[in-house]
Amino acid sequence: MTCFSDHSRNMRLGLAIGRGKTMEEALSELGQVAEGIYTAKALKKMGENAGVELPIVNVVYDILYNNLLPAEALRTLLLRDLKPELPPAMQWM
């Protein structure tokens, strides 16, 4: 429920970033911890360590930590080369 609630810290942080604020500005305005920023960092590291491509995690990380504009993140995702998204062992499904 919290991902759709106006009371969600992560939702408010995301909306502020979507309106053009940096992560630091959005966090300052929020005045609370938004655990999603730590989750994005952890997931990016886990994907890198496992050798797994996580394109959505990567653009979320870049929005938060590298000031990638949300519109550019969307463009990056939509312009990715098409390829199977399942691991080879699961491609029979």
PDB file of N, CA and C in Angstrom:
ATOM      1  N   MET A   1       0.807  -1.197   0.000  1.00  0.00           N
ATOM      2  CA  MET A   1       0.000   0.000   0.000  1.00  0.00           C
ATOM      3  C   MET A   1       0.858   1.273   0.000  1.00  0.00           C
ATOM      4  N   THR A   2       2.022   1.205   0.649  1.00  0.00           N
ATOM      5  CA  THR A   2       2.794   2.437   0.793  1.00  0.00           C
ATOM      6  C   THR A   2       3.295   2.995  -0.535  1.00  0.00           C
ATOM      7  N   CYS A   3       3.413   2.161  -1.550  1.00  0.00           N
ATOM      8  CA  CYS A   3       3.925   2.703  -2.817  1.00  0.00           C
ATOM      9  C   CYS A   3       2.900   3.593  -3.513  1.00  0.00           C
ATOM     10  N   PHE A   4       1.641   3.560  -3.085  1.00  0.00           N
ATOM     11  CA  PHE A   4       0.611   4.397  -3.694  1.00  0.00           C
ATOM     12  C   PHE A   4       0.089   5.472  -2.748  1.00  0.00           C
ATOM     13  N   SER A   5       0.615   5.508  -1.549  1.00  0.00           N
ATOM     14  CA  SER A   5       0.089   6.403  -0.527  1.00  0.00           C
ATOM     15  C   SER A   5       0.845   7.728  -0.502  1.00  0.00           C
ATOM     16  N   ASP A   6       0.116   8.790  -0.300  1.00  0.00           N
ATOM     17  CA  ASP A   6       0.752  10.104  -0.130  1.00  0.00           C
ATOM     18  C   ASP A   6       1.542  10.183   1.172  1.00  0.00           C
ATOM     19  N   HIS A   7       1.354   9.199   2.043  1.00  0.00           N
ATOM     20  CA  HIS A   7       2.083   9.159   3.313  1.00  0.00           C
ATOM     21  C   HIS A   7       3.404   8.402   3.186  1.00  0.00           C
ATOM     22  N   SER A   8       3.620   7.749   2.044  1.00  0.00           N
ATOM     23  CA  SER A   8       4.830   6.973   1.827  1.00  0.00           C
ATOM     24  C   SER A   8       6.022   7.900   1.626  1.00  0.00           C
ATOM     25  N   ARG A   9       7.067   7.665   2.380  1.00  0.00           N
ATOM     26  CA  ARG A   9       8.286   8.475   2.235  1.00  0.00           C
ATOM     27  C   ARG A   9       8.914   8.248   0.867  1.00  0.00           C
ATOM     28  N   ASN A  10       8.930   6.990   0.416  1.00  0.00           N
ATOM     29  CA  ASN A  10       9.510   6.704  -0.899  1.00  0.00           C
ATOM     30  C   ASN A  10       8.704   7.361  -2.018  1.00  0.00           C
ATOM     31  N   MET A  11       7.399   7.335  -1.880  1.00  0.00           N
ATOM     32  CA  MET A  11       6.532   7.957  -2.892  1.00  0.00           C
ATOM     33  C   MET A  11       6.778   9.467  -2.948  1.00  0.00           C
ATOM     34  N   ARG A  12       6.833  10.090  -1.782  1.00  0.00           N
ATOM     35  CA  ARG A  12       7.064  11.545  -1.749  1.00  0.00           C
ATOM     36  C   ARG A  12       8.445  11.904  -2.286  1.00  0.00           C
ATOM     37  N   LEU A  13       9.443  11.076  -1.972  1.00  0.00           N
ATOM     38  CA  LEU A  13      10.782  11.309  -2.498  1.00  0.00           C
ATOM     39  C   LEU A  13      10.771  11.204  -4.022  1.00  0.00           C
ATOM     40  N   GLY A  14      10.142  10.150  -4.543  1.00  0.00           N
ATOM     41  CA  GLY A  14      10.068   9.964  -5.994  1.00  0.00           C
ATOM     42  C   GLY A  14       9.339  11.093  -6.692  1.00  0.00           C
ATOM     43  N   LEU A  15       8.255  11.548  -6.099  1.00  0.00           N
ATOM     44  CA  LEU A  15       7.514  12.667  -6.700  1.00  0.00           C
ATOM     45  C   LEU A  15       8.351  13.939  -6.727  1.00  0.00           C
ATOM     46  N   ALA A  16       9.087  14.188  -5.646  1.00  0.00           N
ATOM     47  CA  ALA A  16       9.938  15.383  -5.596  1.00  0.00           C
ATOM     48  C   ALA A  16      11.038  15.300  -6.655  1.00  0.00           C
ATOM     49  N   ILE A  17      11.639  14.129  -6.818  1.00  0.00           N
ATOM     50  CA  ILE A  17      12.677  13.952  -7.837  1.00  0.00           C
ATOM     51  C   ILE A  17      12.063  14.104  -9.225  1.00  0.00           C
ATOM     52  N   GLY A  18      10.864  13.568  -9.408  1.00  0.00           N
ATOM     53  CA  GLY A  18      10.168  13.714 -10.683  1.00  0.00           C
ATOM     54  C   GLY A  18       9.846  15.159 -11.018  1.00  0.00           C
ATOM     55  N   ARG A  19       9.740  15.985  -9.996  1.00  0.00           N
ATOM     56  CA  ARG A  19       9.489  17.424 -10.203  1.00  0.00           C
ATOM     57  C   ARG A  19      10.773  18.213 -10.393  1.00  0.00           C
ATOM     58  N   GLY A  20      11.917  17.495 -10.431  1.00  0.00           N
ATOM     59  CA  GLY A  20      13.174  18.173 -10.745  1.00  0.00           C
ATOM     60  C   GLY A  20      14.121  18.386  -9.589  1.00  0.00           C
ATOM     61  N   LYS A  21      13.775  17.937  -8.406  1.00  0.00           N
ATOM     62  CA  LYS A  21      14.678  18.101  -7.262  1.00  0.00           C
ATOM     63  C   LYS A  21      15.752  17.012  -7.293  1.00  0.00           C
ATOM     64  N   THR A  22      16.925  17.312  -6.741  1.00  0.00           N
ATOM     65  CA  THR A  22      17.948  16.290  -6.574  1.00  0.00           C
ATOM     66  C   THR A  22      17.563  15.418  -5.385  1.00  0.00           C
ATOM     67  N   MET A  23      18.251  14.288  -5.236  1.00  0.00           N
ATOM     68  CA  MET A  23      17.977  13.426  -4.098  1.00  0.00           C
ATOM     69  C   MET A  23      18.209  14.181  -2.793  1.00  0.00           C
ATOM     70  N   GLU A  24      19.269  14.942  -2.730  1.00  0.00           N
ATOM     71  CA  GLU A  24      19.576  15.686  -1.508  1.00  0.00           C
ATOM     72  C   GLU A  24      18.477  16.705  -1.186  1.00  0.00           C
ATOM     73  N   GLU A  25      18.023  17.419  -2.205  1.00  0.00           N
ATOM     74  CA  GLU A  25      16.951  18.399  -2.000  1.00  0.00           C
ATOM     75  C   GLU A  25      15.667  17.709  -1.560  1.00  0.00           C
ATOM     76  N   ALA A  26      15.349  16.600  -2.210  1.00  0.00           N
ATOM     77  CA  ALA A  26      14.124  15.870  -1.882  1.00  0.00           C
ATOM     78  C   ALA A  26      14.184  15.313  -0.462  1.00  0.00           C
ATOM     79  N   LEU A  27      15.344  14.776  -0.066  1.00  0.00           N
ATOM     80  CA  LEU A  27      15.493  14.250   1.297  1.00  0.00           C
ATOM     81  C   LEU A  27      15.400  15.356   2.332  1.00  0.00           C
ATOM     82  N   SER A  28      15.996  16.501   2.029  1.00  0.00           N
ATOM     83  CA  SER A  28      15.928  17.634   2.944  1.00  0.00           C
ATOM     84  C   SER A  28      14.488  18.085   3.129  1.00  0.00           C
ATOM     85  N   GLU A  29      13.752  18.152   2.034  1.00  0.00           N
ATOM     86  CA  GLU A  29      12.345  18.537   2.074  1.00  0.00           C
ATOM     87  C   GLU A  29      11.517  17.493   2.830  1.00  0.00           C
ATOM     88  N   LEU A  30      11.842  16.224   2.623  1.00  0.00           N
ATOM     89  CA  LEU A  30      11.119  15.129   3.263  1.00  0.00           C
ATOM     90  C   LEU A  30      11.358  15.127   4.768  1.00  0.00           C
ATOM     91  N   GLY A  31      12.607  15.332   5.173  1.00  0.00           N
ATOM     92  CA  GLY A  31      12.940  15.371   6.594  1.00  0.00           C
ATOM     93  C   GLY A  31      12.879  14.012   7.279  1.00  0.00           C
ATOM     94  N   GLN A  32      12.819  12.939   6.509  1.00  0.00           N
ATOM     95  CA  GLN A  32      12.764  11.589   7.055  1.00  0.00           C
ATOM     96  C   GLN A  32      13.602  10.668   6.176  1.00  0.00           C
ATOM     97  N   VAL A  33      13.825   9.470   6.663  1.00  0.00           N
ATOM     98  CA  VAL A  33      14.552   8.472   5.887  1.00  0.00           C
ATOM     99  C   VAL A  33      13.613   7.853   4.860  1.00  0.00           C
ATOM    100  N   ALA A  34      14.096   7.714   3.647  1.00  0.00           N
ATOM    101  CA  ALA A  34      13.381   6.985   2.597  1.00  0.00           C
ATOM    102  C   ALA A  34      14.257   5.776   2.267  1.00  0.00           C
ATOM    103  N   GLU A  35      13.865   4.617   2.779  1.00  0.00           N
ATOM    104  CA  GLU A  35      14.715   3.431   2.679  1.00  0.00           C
ATOM    105  C   GLU A  35      14.983   2.996   1.249  1.00  0.00           C
ATOM    106  N   GLY A  36      14.172   3.428   0.307  1.00  0.00           N
ATOM    107  CA  GLY A  36      14.366   3.046  -1.088  1.00  0.00           C
ATOM    108  C   GLY A  36      15.705   3.487  -1.652  1.00  0.00           C
ATOM    109  N   ILE A  37      16.270   4.583  -1.144  1.00  0.00           N
ATOM    110  CA  ILE A  37      17.567   5.034  -1.660  1.00  0.00           C
ATOM    111  C   ILE A  37      18.668   4.039  -1.305  1.00  0.00           C
ATOM    112  N   TYR A  38      18.556   3.420  -0.131  1.00  0.00           N
ATOM    113  CA  TYR A  38      19.537   2.416   0.283  1.00  0.00           C
ATOM    114  C   TYR A  38      19.286   1.095  -0.443  1.00  0.00           C
ATOM    115  N   THR A  39      18.025   0.796  -0.694  1.00  0.00           N
ATOM    116  CA  THR A  39      17.673  -0.423  -1.411  1.00  0.00           C
ATOM    117  C   THR A  39      18.211  -0.372  -2.841  1.00  0.00           C
ATOM    118  N   ALA A  40      18.081   0.776  -3.497  1.00  0.00           N
ATOM    119  CA  ALA A  40      18.586   0.920  -4.864  1.00  0.00           C
ATOM    120  C   ALA A  40      20.095   0.697  -4.913  1.00  0.00           C
ATOM    121  N   LYS A  41      20.806   1.251  -3.937  1.00  0.00           N
ATOM    122  CA  LYS A  41      22.267   1.088  -3.892  1.00  0.00           C
ATOM    123  C   LYS A  41      22.628  -0.385  -3.661  1.00  0.00           C
ATOM    124  N   ALA A  42      21.934  -1.030  -2.740  1.00  0.00           N
ATOM    125  CA  ALA A  42      22.217  -2.437  -2.439  1.00  0.00           C
ATOM    126  C   ALA A  42      21.908  -3.336  -3.634  1.00  0.00           C
ATOM    127  N   LEU A  43      20.775  -3.092  -4.299  1.00  0.00           N
ATOM    128  CA  LEU A  43      20.414  -3.907  -5.457  1.00  0.00           C
ATOM    129  C   LEU A  43      21.414  -3.747  -6.598  1.00  0.00           C
ATOM    130  N   LYS A  44      21.866  -2.528  -6.817  1.00  0.00           N
ATOM    131  CA  LYS A  44      22.859  -2.300  -7.872  1.00  0.00           C
ATOM    132  C   LYS A  44      24.116  -3.103  -7.583  1.00  0.00           C
ATOM    133  N   LYS A  45      24.585  -3.052  -6.358  1.00  0.00           N
ATOM    134  CA  LYS A  45      25.793  -3.793  -5.979  1.00  0.00           C
ATOM    135  C   LYS A  45      25.572  -5.297  -6.101  1.00  0.00           C
ATOM    136  N   MET A  46      24.414  -5.789  -5.666  1.00  0.00           N
ATOM    137  CA  MET A  46      24.116  -7.215  -5.766  1.00  0.00           C
ATOM    138  C   MET A  46      24.091  -7.674  -7.223  1.00  0.00           C
ATOM    139  N   GLY A  47      23.478  -6.884  -8.084  1.00  0.00           N
ATOM    140  CA  GLY A  47      23.442  -7.221  -9.497  1.00  0.00           C
ATOM    141  C   GLY A  47      24.834  -7.274 -10.101  1.00  0.00           C
ATOM    142  N   GLU A  48      25.655  -6.300  -9.765  1.00  0.00           N
ATOM    143  CA  GLU A  48      27.026  -6.273 -10.276  1.00  0.00           C
ATOM    144  C   GLU A  48      27.807  -7.483  -9.782  1.00  0.00           C
ATOM    145  N   ASN A  49      27.680  -7.803  -8.500  1.00  0.00           N
ATOM    146  CA  ASN A  49      28.403  -8.948  -7.927  1.00  0.00           C
ATOM    147  C   ASN A  49      27.951 -10.269  -8.538  1.00  0.00           C
ATOM    148  N   ALA A  50      26.676 -10.368  -8.881  1.00  0.00           N
ATOM    149  CA  ALA A  50      26.130 -11.603  -9.441  1.00  0.00           C
ATOM    150  C   ALA A  50      26.253 -11.650 -10.969  1.00  0.00           C
ATOM    151  N   GLY A  51      26.673 -10.551 -11.572  1.00  0.00           N
ATOM    152  CA  GLY A  51      26.766 -10.502 -13.031  1.00  0.00           C
ATOM    153  C   GLY A  51      25.408 -10.507 -13.708  1.00  0.00           C
ATOM    154  N   VAL A  52      24.417  -9.930 -13.029  1.00  0.00           N
ATOM    155  CA  VAL A  52      23.052  -9.883 -13.542  1.00  0.00           C
ATOM    156  C   VAL A  52      22.751  -8.460 -14.000  1.00  0.00           C
ATOM    157  N   GLU A  53      22.188  -8.336 -15.191  1.00  0.00           N
ATOM    158  CA  GLU A  53      21.818  -7.021 -15.705  1.00  0.00           C
ATOM    159  C   GLU A  53      20.483  -6.597 -15.085  1.00  0.00           C
ATOM    160  N   LEU A  54      20.455  -5.444 -14.458  1.00  0.00           N
ATOM    161  CA  LEU A  54      19.255  -4.901 -13.819  1.00  0.00           C
ATOM    162  C   LEU A  54      19.016  -3.489 -14.339  1.00  0.00           C
ATOM    163  N   PRO A  55      18.476  -3.352 -15.541  1.00  0.00           N
ATOM    164  CA  PRO A  55      18.375  -2.024 -16.158  1.00  0.00           C
ATOM    165  C   PRO A  55      17.516  -1.034 -15.372  1.00  0.00           C
ATOM    166  N   ILE A  56      16.426  -1.480 -14.784  1.00  0.00           N
ATOM    167  CA  ILE A  56      15.583  -0.542 -14.025  1.00  0.00           C
ATOM    168  C   ILE A  56      16.306  -0.094 -12.768  1.00  0.00           C
ATOM    169  N   VAL A  57      16.922  -1.027 -12.082  1.00  0.00           N
ATOM    170  CA  VAL A  57      17.697  -0.681 -10.880  1.00  0.00           C
ATOM    171  C   VAL A  57      18.802   0.306 -11.249  1.00  0.00           C
ATOM    172  N   ASN A  58      19.464   0.058 -12.376  1.00  0.00           N
ATOM    173  CA  ASN A  58      20.573   0.930 -12.770  1.00  0.00           C
ATOM    174  C   ASN A  58      20.124   2.361 -13.043  1.00  0.00           C
ATOM    175  N   VAL A  59      18.988   2.538 -13.708  1.00  0.00           N
ATOM    176  CA  VAL A  59      18.555   3.918 -13.970  1.00  0.00           C
ATOM    177  C   VAL A  59      18.023   4.577 -12.697  1.00  0.00           C
ATOM    178  N   VAL A  60      17.383   3.808 -11.832  1.00  0.00           N
ATOM    179  CA  VAL A  60      16.937   4.386 -10.552  1.00  0.00           C
ATOM    180  C   VAL A  60      18.155   4.836  -9.750  1.00  0.00           C
ATOM    181  N   TYR A  61      19.172   4.004  -9.714  1.00  0.00           N
ATOM    182  CA  TYR A  61      20.413   4.365  -9.029  1.00  0.00           C
ATOM    183  C   TYR A  61      21.003   5.643  -9.632  1.00  0.00           C
ATOM    184  N   ASP A  62      21.054   5.702 -10.964  1.00  0.00           N
ATOM    185  CA  ASP A  62      21.623   6.882 -11.626  1.00  0.00           C
ATOM    186  C   ASP A  62      20.781   8.141 -11.387  1.00  0.00           C
ATOM    187  N   ILE A  63      19.485   7.994 -11.293  1.00  0.00           N
ATOM    188  CA  ILE A  63      18.640   9.150 -10.953  1.00  0.00           C
ATOM    189  C   ILE A  63      18.991   9.638  -9.555  1.00  0.00           C
ATOM    190  N   LEU A  64      19.102   8.698  -8.616  1.00  0.00           N
ATOM    191  CA  LEU A  64      19.354   9.069  -7.221  1.00  0.00           C
ATOM    192  C   LEU A  64      20.768   9.583  -6.980  1.00  0.00           C
ATOM    193  N   TYR A  65      21.749   8.881  -7.520  1.00  0.00           N
ATOM    194  CA  TYR A  65      23.133   9.153  -7.139  1.00  0.00           C
ATOM    195  C   TYR A  65      23.962   9.879  -8.194  1.00  0.00           C
ATOM    196  N   ASN A  66      23.490   9.908  -9.439  1.00  0.00           N
ATOM    197  CA  ASN A  66      24.266  10.551 -10.505  1.00  0.00           C
ATOM    198  C   ASN A  66      23.481  11.651 -11.217  1.00  0.00           C
ATOM    199  N   ASN A  67      22.378  12.068 -10.638  1.00  0.00           N
ATOM    200  CA  ASN A  67      21.555  13.164 -11.162  1.00  0.00           C
ATOM    201  C   ASN A  67      21.069  12.941 -12.594  1.00  0.00           C
ATOM    202  N   LEU A  68      20.849  11.673 -12.965  1.00  0.00           N
ATOM    203  CA  LEU A  68      20.241  11.392 -14.263  1.00  0.00           C
ATOM    204  C   LEU A  68      18.803  11.912 -14.243  1.00  0.00           C
ATOM    205  N   LEU A  69      18.411  12.618 -15.270  1.00  0.00           N
ATOM    206  CA  LEU A  69      17.043  13.126 -15.343  1.00  0.00           C
ATOM    207  C   LEU A  69      16.074  11.966 -15.583  1.00  0.00           C
ATOM    208  N   PRO A  70      14.929  11.962 -14.903  1.00  0.00           N
ATOM    209  CA  PRO A  70      13.959  10.881 -15.100  1.00  0.00           C
ATOM    210  C   PRO A  70      13.577  10.674 -16.564  1.00  0.00           C
ATOM    211  N   ALA A  71      13.425  11.731 -17.330  1.00  0.00           N
ATOM    212  CA  ALA A  71      13.076  11.587 -18.748  1.00  0.00           C
ATOM    213  C   ALA A  71      14.189  10.863 -19.508  1.00  0.00           C
ATOM    214  N   GLU A  72      15.424  11.143 -19.165  1.00  0.00           N
ATOM    215  CA  GLU A  72      16.551  10.465 -19.818  1.00  0.00           C
ATOM    216  C   GLU A  72      16.609   8.997 -19.385  1.00  0.00           C
ATOM    217  N   ALA A  73      16.274   8.725 -18.133  1.00  0.00           N
ATOM    218  CA  ALA A  73      16.233   7.339 -17.655  1.00  0.00           C
ATOM    219  C   ALA A  73      15.197   6.542 -18.444  1.00  0.00           C
ATOM    220  N   LEU A  74      14.049   7.134 -18.656  1.00  0.00           N
ATOM    221  CA  LEU A  74      13.001   6.474 -19.426  1.00  0.00           C
ATOM    222  C   LEU A  74      13.470   6.212 -20.853  1.00  0.00           C
ATOM    223  N   ARG A  75      14.107   7.200 -21.459  1.00  0.00           N
ATOM    224  CA  ARG A  75      14.636   7.052 -22.812  1.00  0.00           C
ATOM    225  C   ARG A  75      15.657   5.903 -22.860  1.00  0.00           C
ATOM    226  N   THR A  76      16.522   5.843 -21.863  1.00  0.00           N
ATOM    227  CA  THR A  76      17.528   4.782 -21.779  1.00  0.00           C
ATOM    228  C   THR A  76      16.866   3.410 -21.752  1.00  0.00           C
ATOM    229  N   LEU A  77      15.820   3.274 -20.958  1.00  0.00           N
ATOM    230  CA  LEU A  77      15.130   1.987 -20.859  1.00  0.00           C
ATOM    231  C   LEU A  77      14.399   1.629 -22.147  1.00  0.00           C
ATOM    232  N   LEU A  78      13.729   2.592 -22.727  1.00  0.00           N
ATOM    233  CA  LEU A  78      12.928   2.318 -23.913  1.00  0.00           C
ATOM    234  C   LEU A  78      13.763   2.074 -25.166  1.00  0.00           C
ATOM    235  N   LEU A  79      14.989   2.571 -25.171  1.00  0.00           N
ATOM    236  CA  LEU A  79      15.843   2.412 -26.353  1.00  0.00           C
ATOM    237  C   LEU A  79      16.831   1.253 -26.230  1.00  0.00           C
ATOM    238  N   ARG A  80      16.680   0.443 -25.196  1.00  0.00           N
ATOM    239  CA  ARG A  80      17.545  -0.725 -25.055  1.00  0.00           C
ATOM    240  C   ARG A  80      17.327  -1.683 -26.220  1.00  0.00           C
ATOM    241  N   ASP A  81      18.381  -2.364 -26.603  1.00  0.00           N
ATOM    242  CA  ASP A  81      18.255  -3.395 -27.632  1.00  0.00           C
ATOM    243  C   ASP A  81      17.333  -4.499 -27.129  1.00  0.00           C
ATOM    244  N   LEU A  82      16.496  -5.019 -28.024  1.00  0.00           N
ATOM    245  CA  LEU A  82      15.623  -6.125 -27.671  1.00  0.00           C
ATOM    246  C   LEU A  82      16.434  -7.403 -27.560  1.00  0.00           C
ATOM    247  N   LYS A  83      16.112  -8.186 -26.535  1.00  0.00           N
ATOM    248  CA  LYS A  83      16.772  -9.473 -26.336  1.00  0.00           C
ATOM    249  C   LYS A  83      15.958 -10.270 -25.332  1.00  0.00           C
ATOM    250  N   PRO A  84      16.187 -11.570 -25.255  1.00  0.00           N
ATOM    251  CA  PRO A  84      15.466 -12.359 -24.247  1.00  0.00           C
ATOM    252  C   PRO A  84      15.824 -11.868 -22.841  1.00  0.00           C
ATOM    253  N   GLU A  85      14.852 -11.777 -21.979  1.00  0.00           N
ATOM    254  CA  GLU A  85      15.097 -11.283 -20.627  1.00  0.00           C
ATOM    255  C   GLU A  85      15.204 -12.412 -19.611  1.00  0.00           C
ATOM    256  N   LEU A  86      14.919 -13.636 -20.037  1.00  0.00           N
ATOM    257  CA  LEU A  86      15.036 -14.771 -19.124  1.00  0.00           C
ATOM    258  C   LEU A  86      16.444 -15.333 -19.174  1.00  0.00           C
ATOM    259  N   PRO A  87      16.921 -15.882 -18.049  1.00  0.00           N
ATOM    260  CA  PRO A  87      18.211 -16.560 -18.094  1.00  0.00           C
ATOM    261  C   PRO A  87      18.114 -17.761 -19.038  1.00  0.00           C
ATOM    262  N   PRO A  88      19.224 -18.186 -19.631  1.00  0.00           N
ATOM    263  CA  PRO A  88      19.189 -19.281 -20.603  1.00  0.00           C
ATOM    264  C   PRO A  88      18.469 -20.529 -20.094  1.00  0.00           C
ATOM    265  N   ALA A  89      18.619 -20.864 -18.839  1.00  0.00           N
ATOM    266  CA  ALA A  89      17.979 -22.070 -18.295  1.00  0.00           C
ATOM    267  C   ALA A  89      16.472 -21.970 -18.283  1.00  0.00           C
ATOM    268  N   MET A  90      15.923 -20.760 -18.359  1.00  0.00           N
ATOM    269  CA  MET A  90      14.476 -20.577 -18.279  1.00  0.00           C
ATOM    270  C   MET A  90      13.844 -20.198 -19.621  1.00  0.00           C
ATOM    271  N   GLN A  91      14.618 -20.110 -20.687  1.00  0.00           N
ATOM    272  CA  GLN A  91      14.093 -19.620 -21.957  1.00  0.00           C
ATOM    273  C   GLN A  91      13.134 -20.580 -22.636  1.00  0.00           C
ATOM    274  N   TRP A  92      12.996 -21.781 -22.150  1.00  0.00           N
ATOM    275  CA  TRP A  92      12.034 -22.731 -22.706  1.00  0.00           C
ATOM    276  C   TRP A  92      10.627 -22.392 -22.271  1.00  0.00           C
ATOM    277  N   MET A  93      10.458 -21.578 -21.248  1.00  0.00           N
ATOM    278  CA  MET A  93       9.127 -21.277 -20.686  1.00  0.00           C
ATOM    279  C   MET A  93       8.303 -20.464 -21.643  1.00  0.00           C
TER     280      MET A  93
END
